[in-house]
Amino acid sequence: MTFQPASAIPRAATALLTTGLLLLGACGSTTAPSTTSAATTATAANAPAASPARTPPPRPLPALEMARYLGVWHQVALYPNRFQAQCLDSTTATYSRLDDGRLRVINRCRTARGMDEAEGVARPRDGAVVGADGWLRPASLEVSFLPAALRWTGIGWGRYDVLQLGPDGTWSLVSEPTREYLWVLSRTPTLDAAQWAAIETRLRAEGFDLQRLRREPAAAAAAR
């Protein structure tokens, strides 16, 4: 639902969304830059071909109670990305239910020019269903910030998986199948040491690189 993933996409980033840059990893395969040396490459050329190791995608929650996920979430950490580069801090995502069953997503953040805001919609992704009990199974969504007239094309929808909810829904981990994007959301602007420890444990278990994770200024200051 969000679904943006939960981080704010300022209006200045709308052009990127319209060209499909929202969640690039979610819209197609991504290839990391090679750091292999020329000598290693030459050696590999003469070696038997080997099947590349495949890492299973991170696992979304098997079920998510949508009513508990609504409201305001603060972004407390993320993998830095291009479409949020202008956001300095105070990034939030607010989710509310629309009459047609989808979610309304309002993302806000502070930039050098003041507060900026973007509005989008989120819906269950392929294979995910919201049951009569209000639970999404599994916790897999897709979100678009494109104008409504363009959403029908299927372009610009980013994948949004809720991987984990903390006790009492105090924090949330959001990513997508390629692990290129990651957000840590919280009901409060900061988390305590025990909460960060639980978050890092789950992220390691799911194969995320914690060296890439950048905490929001307020969250980083509170952790010192």
C-alpha atoms as a PDB file:
ATOM      1  CA  MET A   1       0.000   0.000   0.000  1.00  0.00           C
ATOM      2  CA  THR A   2       2.096   2.816   0.164  1.00  0.00           C
ATOM      3  CA  PHE A   3       3.090   2.920  -1.235  1.00  0.00           C
ATOM      4  CA  GLN A   4       5.871   4.271  -2.492  1.00  0.00           C
ATOM      5  CA  PRO A   5       7.527   2.767  -0.422  1.00  0.00           C
ATOM      6  CA  ALA A   6       7.170   4.756   2.349  1.00  0.00           C
ATOM      7  CA  SER A   7       9.527   7.376   1.718  1.00  0.00           C
ATOM      8  CA  ALA A   8       8.667  10.736   0.386  1.00  0.00           C
ATOM      9  CA  ILE A   9       9.001  11.479  -3.316  1.00  0.00           C
ATOM     10  CA  PRO A  10       9.050  15.231  -3.768  1.00  0.00           C
ATOM     11  CA  ARG A  11       7.316  16.863  -6.687  1.00  0.00           C
ATOM     12  CA  ALA A  12      10.675  17.537  -8.290  1.00  0.00           C
ATOM     13  CA  ALA A  13      11.049  13.794  -8.696  1.00  0.00           C
ATOM     14  CA  THR A  14       7.827  13.359 -10.668  1.00  0.00           C
ATOM     15  CA  ALA A  15       9.729  13.536 -13.940  1.00  0.00           C
ATOM     16  CA  LEU A  16      11.807  10.585 -12.834  1.00  0.00           C
ATOM     17  CA  LEU A  17       8.689   8.613 -12.044  1.00  0.00           C
ATOM     18  CA  THR A  18       7.184   9.271 -15.449  1.00  0.00           C
ATOM     19  CA  THR A  19      10.255   7.802 -17.103  1.00  0.00           C
ATOM     20  CA  GLY A  20      10.046   4.695 -15.019  1.00  0.00           C
ATOM     21  CA  LEU A  21      12.799   5.502 -12.546  1.00  0.00           C
ATOM     22  CA  LEU A  22      10.630   4.820  -9.522  1.00  0.00           C
ATOM     23  CA  LEU A  23      11.939   1.614  -8.056  1.00  0.00           C
ATOM     24  CA  LEU A  24      14.101   0.678 -11.017  1.00  0.00           C
ATOM     25  CA  GLY A  25      14.965  -2.575  -9.383  1.00  0.00           C
ATOM     26  CA  ALA A  26      11.281  -3.366  -9.030  1.00  0.00           C
ATOM     27  CA  CYS A  27      10.478  -2.720 -12.666  1.00  0.00           C
ATOM     28  CA  GLY A  28      13.188  -4.902 -14.123  1.00  0.00           C
ATOM     29  CA  SER A  29      16.409  -6.681 -13.382  1.00  0.00           C
ATOM     30  CA  THR A  30      19.363  -4.680 -12.140  1.00  0.00           C
ATOM     31  CA  THR A  31      23.005  -5.450 -12.654  1.00  0.00           C
ATOM     32  CA  ALA A  32      25.584  -4.202 -10.211  1.00  0.00           C
ATOM     33  CA  PRO A  33      28.785  -2.679 -11.635  1.00  0.00           C
ATOM     34  CA  SER A  34      31.500  -5.277 -11.992  1.00  0.00           C
ATOM     35  CA  THR A  35      34.573  -4.968  -9.813  1.00  0.00           C
ATOM     36  CA  THR A  36      36.316  -7.932 -11.434  1.00  0.00           C
ATOM     37  CA  SER A  37      39.876  -7.204 -12.560  1.00  0.00           C
ATOM     38  CA  ALA A  38      41.001  -7.718 -16.150  1.00  0.00           C
ATOM     39  CA  ALA A  39      43.236 -10.612 -15.090  1.00  0.00           C
ATOM     40  CA  THR A  40      40.389 -12.334 -13.313  1.00  0.00           C
ATOM     41  CA  THR A  41      38.149 -11.807 -16.312  1.00  0.00           C
ATOM     42  CA  ALA A  42      40.692 -13.374 -18.641  1.00  0.00           C
ATOM     43  CA  THR A  43      41.031 -16.388 -16.351  1.00  0.00           C
ATOM     44  CA  ALA A  44      37.292 -16.761 -16.090  1.00  0.00           C
ATOM     45  CA  ALA A  45      36.967 -16.758 -19.863  1.00  0.00           C
ATOM     46  CA  ASN A  46      38.897 -20.050 -19.991  1.00  0.00           C
ATOM     47  CA  ALA A  47      37.045 -21.671 -17.114  1.00  0.00           C
ATOM     48  CA  PRO A  48      33.926 -23.837 -17.450  1.00  0.00           C
ATOM     49  CA  ALA A  49      30.724 -21.888 -17.239  1.00  0.00           C
ATOM     50  CA  ALA A  50      29.049 -22.031 -13.848  1.00  0.00           C
ATOM     51  CA  SER A  51      25.468 -21.364 -12.942  1.00  0.00           C
ATOM     52  CA  PRO A  52      25.177 -18.022 -11.112  1.00  0.00           C
ATOM     53  CA  ALA A  53      24.138 -18.264  -7.498  1.00  0.00           C
ATOM     54  CA  ARG A  54      20.579 -17.131  -6.978  1.00  0.00           C
ATOM     55  CA  THR A  55      19.613 -15.454  -3.747  1.00  0.00           C
ATOM     56  CA  PRO A  56      15.941 -15.853  -2.897  1.00  0.00           C
ATOM     57  CA  PRO A  57      14.100 -12.534  -2.700  1.00  0.00           C
ATOM     58  CA  PRO A  58      13.319 -11.174   0.768  1.00  0.00           C
ATOM     59  CA  ARG A  59      10.178 -12.643   2.284  1.00  0.00           C
ATOM     60  CA  PRO A  60       7.173 -10.369   2.803  1.00  0.00           C
ATOM     61  CA  LEU A  61       4.980 -11.016   5.803  1.00  0.00           C
ATOM     62  CA  PRO A  62       2.494 -13.789   5.059  1.00  0.00           C
ATOM     63  CA  ALA A  63      -0.321 -11.490   6.233  1.00  0.00           C
ATOM     64  CA  LEU A  64      -0.712  -7.834   7.169  1.00  0.00           C
ATOM     65  CA  GLU A  65      -3.698  -6.293   8.959  1.00  0.00           C
ATOM     66  CA  MET A  66      -4.309  -3.259   6.810  1.00  0.00           C
ATOM     67  CA  ALA A  67      -6.185  -1.230   9.422  1.00  0.00           C
ATOM     68  CA  ARG A  68      -3.130  -1.325  11.715  1.00  0.00           C
ATOM     69  CA  TYR A  69      -0.863  -0.137   8.918  1.00  0.00           C
ATOM     70  CA  LEU A  70      -2.810   3.036   8.176  1.00  0.00           C
ATOM     71  CA  GLY A  71      -1.727   6.423   9.505  1.00  0.00           C
ATOM     72  CA  VAL A  72       1.595   8.249   9.646  1.00  0.00           C
ATOM     73  CA  TRP A  73       4.994   6.559   9.401  1.00  0.00           C
ATOM     74  CA  HIS A  74       8.346   8.315   9.841  1.00  0.00           C
ATOM     75  CA  GLN A  75      11.256   7.270   7.665  1.00  0.00           C
ATOM     76  CA  VAL A  76      14.124   6.599  10.074  1.00  0.00           C
ATOM     77  CA  ALA A  77      16.546   4.894   7.669  1.00  0.00           C
ATOM     78  CA  LEU A  78      16.842   3.945   4.003  1.00  0.00           C
ATOM     79  CA  TYR A  79      19.081   2.856   1.197  1.00  0.00           C
ATOM     80  CA  PRO A  80      19.832   6.243  -0.431  1.00  0.00           C
ATOM     81  CA  ASN A  81      18.258   6.597  -3.875  1.00  0.00           C
ATOM     82  CA  ARG A  82      18.066   9.156  -6.660  1.00  0.00           C
ATOM     83  CA  PHE A  83      14.399  10.028  -6.389  1.00  0.00           C
ATOM     84  CA  GLN A  84      14.779  11.073  -2.742  1.00  0.00           C
ATOM     85  CA  ALA A  85      18.087  12.883  -3.138  1.00  0.00           C
ATOM     86  CA  GLN A  86      16.530  16.298  -2.483  1.00  0.00           C
ATOM     87  CA  CYS A  87      14.966  15.191   0.823  1.00  0.00           C
ATOM     88  CA  LEU A  88      17.003  16.481   3.762  1.00  0.00           C
ATOM     89  CA  ASP A  89      14.971  15.054   6.648  1.00  0.00           C
ATOM     90  CA  SER A  90      11.477  14.874   8.189  1.00  0.00           C
ATOM     91  CA  THR A  91      10.342  12.275   5.664  1.00  0.00           C
ATOM     92  CA  THR A  92       6.932  10.749   6.346  1.00  0.00           C
ATOM     93  CA  ALA A  93       4.394   8.555   4.597  1.00  0.00           C
ATOM     94  CA  THR A  94       0.703   8.707   5.462  1.00  0.00           C
ATOM     95  CA  TYR A  95      -1.637   5.911   4.370  1.00  0.00           C
ATOM     96  CA  SER A  96      -5.433   6.062   4.328  1.00  0.00           C
ATOM     97  CA  ARG A  97      -8.103   3.876   2.767  1.00  0.00           C
ATOM     98  CA  LEU A  98      -9.918   4.959  -0.389  1.00  0.00           C
ATOM     99  CA  ASP A  99     -13.534   4.087  -1.154  1.00  0.00           C
ATOM    100  CA  ASP A 100     -12.477   1.651  -3.890  1.00  0.00           C
ATOM    101  CA  GLY A 101     -10.341  -0.367  -1.464  1.00  0.00           C
ATOM    102  CA  ARG A 102      -6.991   1.011  -2.556  1.00  0.00           C
ATOM    103  CA  LEU A 103      -4.796   3.143  -0.340  1.00  0.00           C
ATOM    104  CA  ARG A 104      -4.079   6.833  -0.631  1.00  0.00           C
ATOM    105  CA  VAL A 105      -0.405   7.613  -0.057  1.00  0.00           C
ATOM    106  CA  ILE A 106       0.887  11.044   0.959  1.00  0.00           C
ATOM    107  CA  ASN A 107       4.674  11.336   1.137  1.00  0.00           C
ATOM    108  CA  ARG A 108       6.302  14.434   2.573  1.00  0.00           C
ATOM    109  CA  CYS A 109       9.856  15.558   3.278  1.00  0.00           C
ATOM    110  CA  ARG A 110      11.858  18.699   3.975  1.00  0.00           C
ATOM    111  CA  THR A 111      14.010  19.979   1.119  1.00  0.00           C
ATOM    112  CA  ALA A 112      16.269  23.010   0.757  1.00  0.00           C
ATOM    113  CA  ARG A 113      13.197  24.929  -0.480  1.00  0.00           C
ATOM    114  CA  GLY A 114      10.840  23.823   2.276  1.00  0.00           C
ATOM    115  CA  MET A 115       8.386  20.974   2.675  1.00  0.00           C
ATOM    116  CA  ASP A 116       7.432  19.010  -0.420  1.00  0.00           C
ATOM    117  CA  GLU A 117       4.636  16.517  -0.921  1.00  0.00           C
ATOM    118  CA  ALA A 118       3.606  13.829  -3.398  1.00  0.00           C
ATOM    119  CA  GLU A 119       0.345  11.886  -3.567  1.00  0.00           C
ATOM    120  CA  GLY A 120      -0.080   8.385  -4.929  1.00  0.00           C
ATOM    121  CA  VAL A 121      -2.124   5.214  -4.630  1.00  0.00           C
ATOM    122  CA  ALA A 122      -1.304   1.658  -3.594  1.00  0.00           C
ATOM    123  CA  ARG A 123      -2.990  -1.622  -4.385  1.00  0.00           C
ATOM    124  CA  PRO A 124      -2.348  -5.340  -3.797  1.00  0.00           C
ATOM    125  CA  ARG A 125       0.272  -6.760  -6.162  1.00  0.00           C
ATOM    126  CA  ASP A 126      -0.166  -9.861  -8.322  1.00  0.00           C
ATOM    127  CA  GLY A 127      -1.108 -12.793  -6.127  1.00  0.00           C
ATOM    128  CA  ALA A 128      -1.900 -10.654  -3.070  1.00  0.00           C
ATOM    129  CA  VAL A 129      -5.470 -10.351  -1.819  1.00  0.00           C
ATOM    130  CA  VAL A 130      -7.209  -8.345   0.893  1.00  0.00           C
ATOM    131  CA  GLY A 131      -9.674 -10.703   2.526  1.00  0.00           C
ATOM    132  CA  ALA A 132     -13.026  -9.936   4.074  1.00  0.00           C
ATOM    133  CA  ASP A 133     -11.232  -9.799   7.421  1.00  0.00           C
ATOM    134  CA  GLY A 134      -9.136  -6.840   6.226  1.00  0.00           C
ATOM    135  CA  TRP A 135      -5.828  -8.754   6.088  1.00  0.00           C
ATOM    136  CA  LEU A 136      -3.540  -8.512   3.053  1.00  0.00           C
ATOM    137  CA  ARG A 137      -2.058 -11.911   2.137  1.00  0.00           C
ATOM    138  CA  PRO A 138       0.858 -11.787   1.503  1.00  0.00           C
ATOM    139  CA  ALA A 139       2.046  -8.263   2.445  1.00  0.00           C
ATOM    140  CA  SER A 140       2.893  -7.339  -1.157  1.00  0.00           C
ATOM    141  CA  LEU A 141       1.721  -4.106  -2.733  1.00  0.00           C
ATOM    142  CA  GLU A 142       2.502  -1.830  -5.610  1.00  0.00           C
ATOM    143  CA  VAL A 143       2.377   1.954  -5.565  1.00  0.00           C
ATOM    144  CA  SER A 144       2.231   4.664  -8.213  1.00  0.00           C
ATOM    145  CA  PHE A 145       2.737   8.408  -8.014  1.00  0.00           C
ATOM    146  CA  LEU A 146       1.972   8.983 -11.673  1.00  0.00           C
ATOM    147  CA  PRO A 147      -1.128  10.971 -12.704  1.00  0.00           C
ATOM    148  CA  ALA A 148      -4.282   8.863 -12.637  1.00  0.00           C
ATOM    149  CA  ALA A 149      -4.570   9.055 -16.441  1.00  0.00           C
ATOM    150  CA  LEU A 150      -1.265   7.184 -16.804  1.00  0.00           C
ATOM    151  CA  ARG A 151      -1.652   4.483 -14.154  1.00  0.00           C
ATOM    152  CA  TRP A 152      -3.672   2.187 -16.400  1.00  0.00           C
ATOM    153  CA  THR A 153      -0.608   1.681 -18.612  1.00  0.00           C
ATOM    154  CA  GLY A 154       1.102  -0.367 -15.906  1.00  0.00           C
ATOM    155  CA  ILE A 155       4.187   1.868 -16.087  1.00  0.00           C
ATOM    156  CA  GLY A 156       5.551   3.512 -12.972  1.00  0.00           C
ATOM    157  CA  TRP A 157       4.198   1.049 -10.406  1.00  0.00           C
ATOM    158  CA  GLY A 158       6.824   0.253  -7.768  1.00  0.00           C
ATOM    159  CA  ARG A 159       6.807  -2.935  -5.734  1.00  0.00           C
ATOM    160  CA  TYR A 160       6.351  -2.564  -1.995  1.00  0.00           C
ATOM    161  CA  ASP A 161       6.799  -5.500   0.367  1.00  0.00           C
ATOM    162  CA  VAL A 162       6.348  -5.254   4.120  1.00  0.00           C
ATOM    163  CA  LEU A 163       9.012  -7.615   5.457  1.00  0.00           C
ATOM    164  CA  GLN A 164       8.516  -7.136   9.165  1.00  0.00           C
ATOM    165  CA  LEU A 165       6.459  -5.276  11.747  1.00  0.00           C
ATOM    166  CA  GLY A 166       7.931  -4.540  15.142  1.00  0.00           C
ATOM    167  CA  PRO A 167       6.081  -5.235  18.405  1.00  0.00           C
ATOM    168  CA  ASP A 168       2.722  -3.439  18.457  1.00  0.00           C
ATOM    169  CA  GLY A 169       3.432  -2.167  14.952  1.00  0.00           C
ATOM    170  CA  THR A 170       5.986   0.359  16.194  1.00  0.00           C
ATOM    171  CA  TRP A 171       8.294  -0.052  13.201  1.00  0.00           C
ATOM    172  CA  SER A 172       8.222  -1.563   9.736  1.00  0.00           C
ATOM    173  CA  LEU A 173      10.734  -2.826   7.171  1.00  0.00           C
ATOM    174  CA  VAL A 174       9.852  -2.182   3.528  1.00  0.00           C
ATOM    175  CA  SER A 175      11.703  -3.380   0.439  1.00  0.00           C
ATOM    176  CA  GLU A 176      11.105  -5.164  -2.878  1.00  0.00           C
ATOM    177  CA  PRO A 177      12.298  -8.399  -4.501  1.00  0.00           C
ATOM    178  CA  THR A 178      15.656  -7.102  -5.805  1.00  0.00           C
ATOM    179  CA  ARG A 179      16.807  -5.586  -2.451  1.00  0.00           C
ATOM    180  CA  GLU A 180      17.860  -2.468  -4.353  1.00  0.00           C
ATOM    181  CA  TYR A 181      15.558  -0.336  -2.217  1.00  0.00           C
ATOM    182  CA  LEU A 182      15.006  -0.447   1.526  1.00  0.00           C
ATOM    183  CA  TRP A 183      13.177   1.721   4.036  1.00  0.00           C
ATOM    184  CA  VAL A 184      12.902   1.523   7.802  1.00  0.00           C
ATOM    185  CA  LEU A 185       9.711   3.177   9.018  1.00  0.00           C
ATOM    186  CA  SER A 186       8.637   4.012  12.535  1.00  0.00           C
ATOM    187  CA  ARG A 187       5.578   5.434  14.251  1.00  0.00           C
ATOM    188  CA  THR A 188       7.967   7.852  15.981  1.00  0.00           C
ATOM    189  CA  PRO A 189      10.896   9.888  14.554  1.00  0.00           C
ATOM    190  CA  THR A 190      13.441   7.829  16.510  1.00  0.00           C
ATOM    191  CA  LEU A 191      14.005   4.263  17.715  1.00  0.00           C
ATOM    192  CA  ASP A 192      15.849   2.938  20.756  1.00  0.00           C
ATOM    193  CA  ALA A 193      18.874   0.636  20.756  1.00  0.00           C
ATOM    194  CA  ALA A 194      16.831  -2.526  21.294  1.00  0.00           C
ATOM    195  CA  GLN A 195      14.619  -1.700  18.321  1.00  0.00           C
ATOM    196  CA  TRP A 196      17.612  -1.038  16.075  1.00  0.00           C
ATOM    197  CA  ALA A 197      19.165  -4.333  17.156  1.00  0.00           C
ATOM    198  CA  ALA A 198      16.009  -6.229  16.202  1.00  0.00           C
ATOM    199  CA  ILE A 199      15.840  -4.432  12.868  1.00  0.00           C
ATOM    200  CA  GLU A 200      19.463  -5.143  11.990  1.00  0.00           C
ATOM    201  CA  THR A 201      19.072  -8.797  12.931  1.00  0.00           C
ATOM    202  CA  ARG A 202      16.140  -9.215  10.566  1.00  0.00           C
ATOM    203  CA  LEU A 203      17.868  -7.325   7.763  1.00  0.00           C
ATOM    204  CA  ARG A 204      20.973  -9.493   8.022  1.00  0.00           C
ATOM    205  CA  ALA A 205      18.788 -12.596   7.944  1.00  0.00           C
ATOM    206  CA  GLU A 206      17.200 -11.320   4.735  1.00  0.00           C
ATOM    207  CA  GLY A 207      20.547 -10.654   3.054  1.00  0.00           C
ATOM    208  CA  PHE A 208      20.612  -6.846   3.208  1.00  0.00           C
ATOM    209  CA  ASP A 209      23.882  -4.892   3.294  1.00  0.00           C
ATOM    210  CA  LEU A 210      23.784  -2.809   6.458  1.00  0.00           C
ATOM    211  CA  GLN A 211      26.704  -0.701   5.226  1.00  0.00           C
ATOM    212  CA  ARG A 212      24.330   0.852   2.686  1.00  0.00           C
ATOM    213  CA  LEU A 213      21.738   1.761   5.291  1.00  0.00           C
ATOM    214  CA  ARG A 214      21.632   5.487   6.119  1.00  0.00           C
ATOM    215  CA  ARG A 215      19.764   6.691   9.181  1.00  0.00           C
ATOM    216  CA  GLU A 216      17.763   9.890   9.105  1.00  0.00           C
ATOM    217  CA  PRO A 217      19.497  12.754  10.981  1.00  0.00           C
ATOM    218  CA  ALA A 218      17.126  12.637  13.976  1.00  0.00           C
ATOM    219  CA  ALA A 219      17.360   8.866  14.209  1.00  0.00           C
ATOM    220  CA  ALA A 220      21.144   8.921  13.932  1.00  0.00           C
ATOM    221  CA  ALA A 221      21.454  11.603  16.612  1.00  0.00           C
ATOM    222  CA  ALA A 222      19.228   9.640  18.994  1.00  0.00           C
ATOM    223  CA  ALA A 223      21.380   6.537  18.520  1.00  0.00           C
ATOM    224  CA  ARG A 224      24.564   8.280  19.647  1.00  0.00           C
END
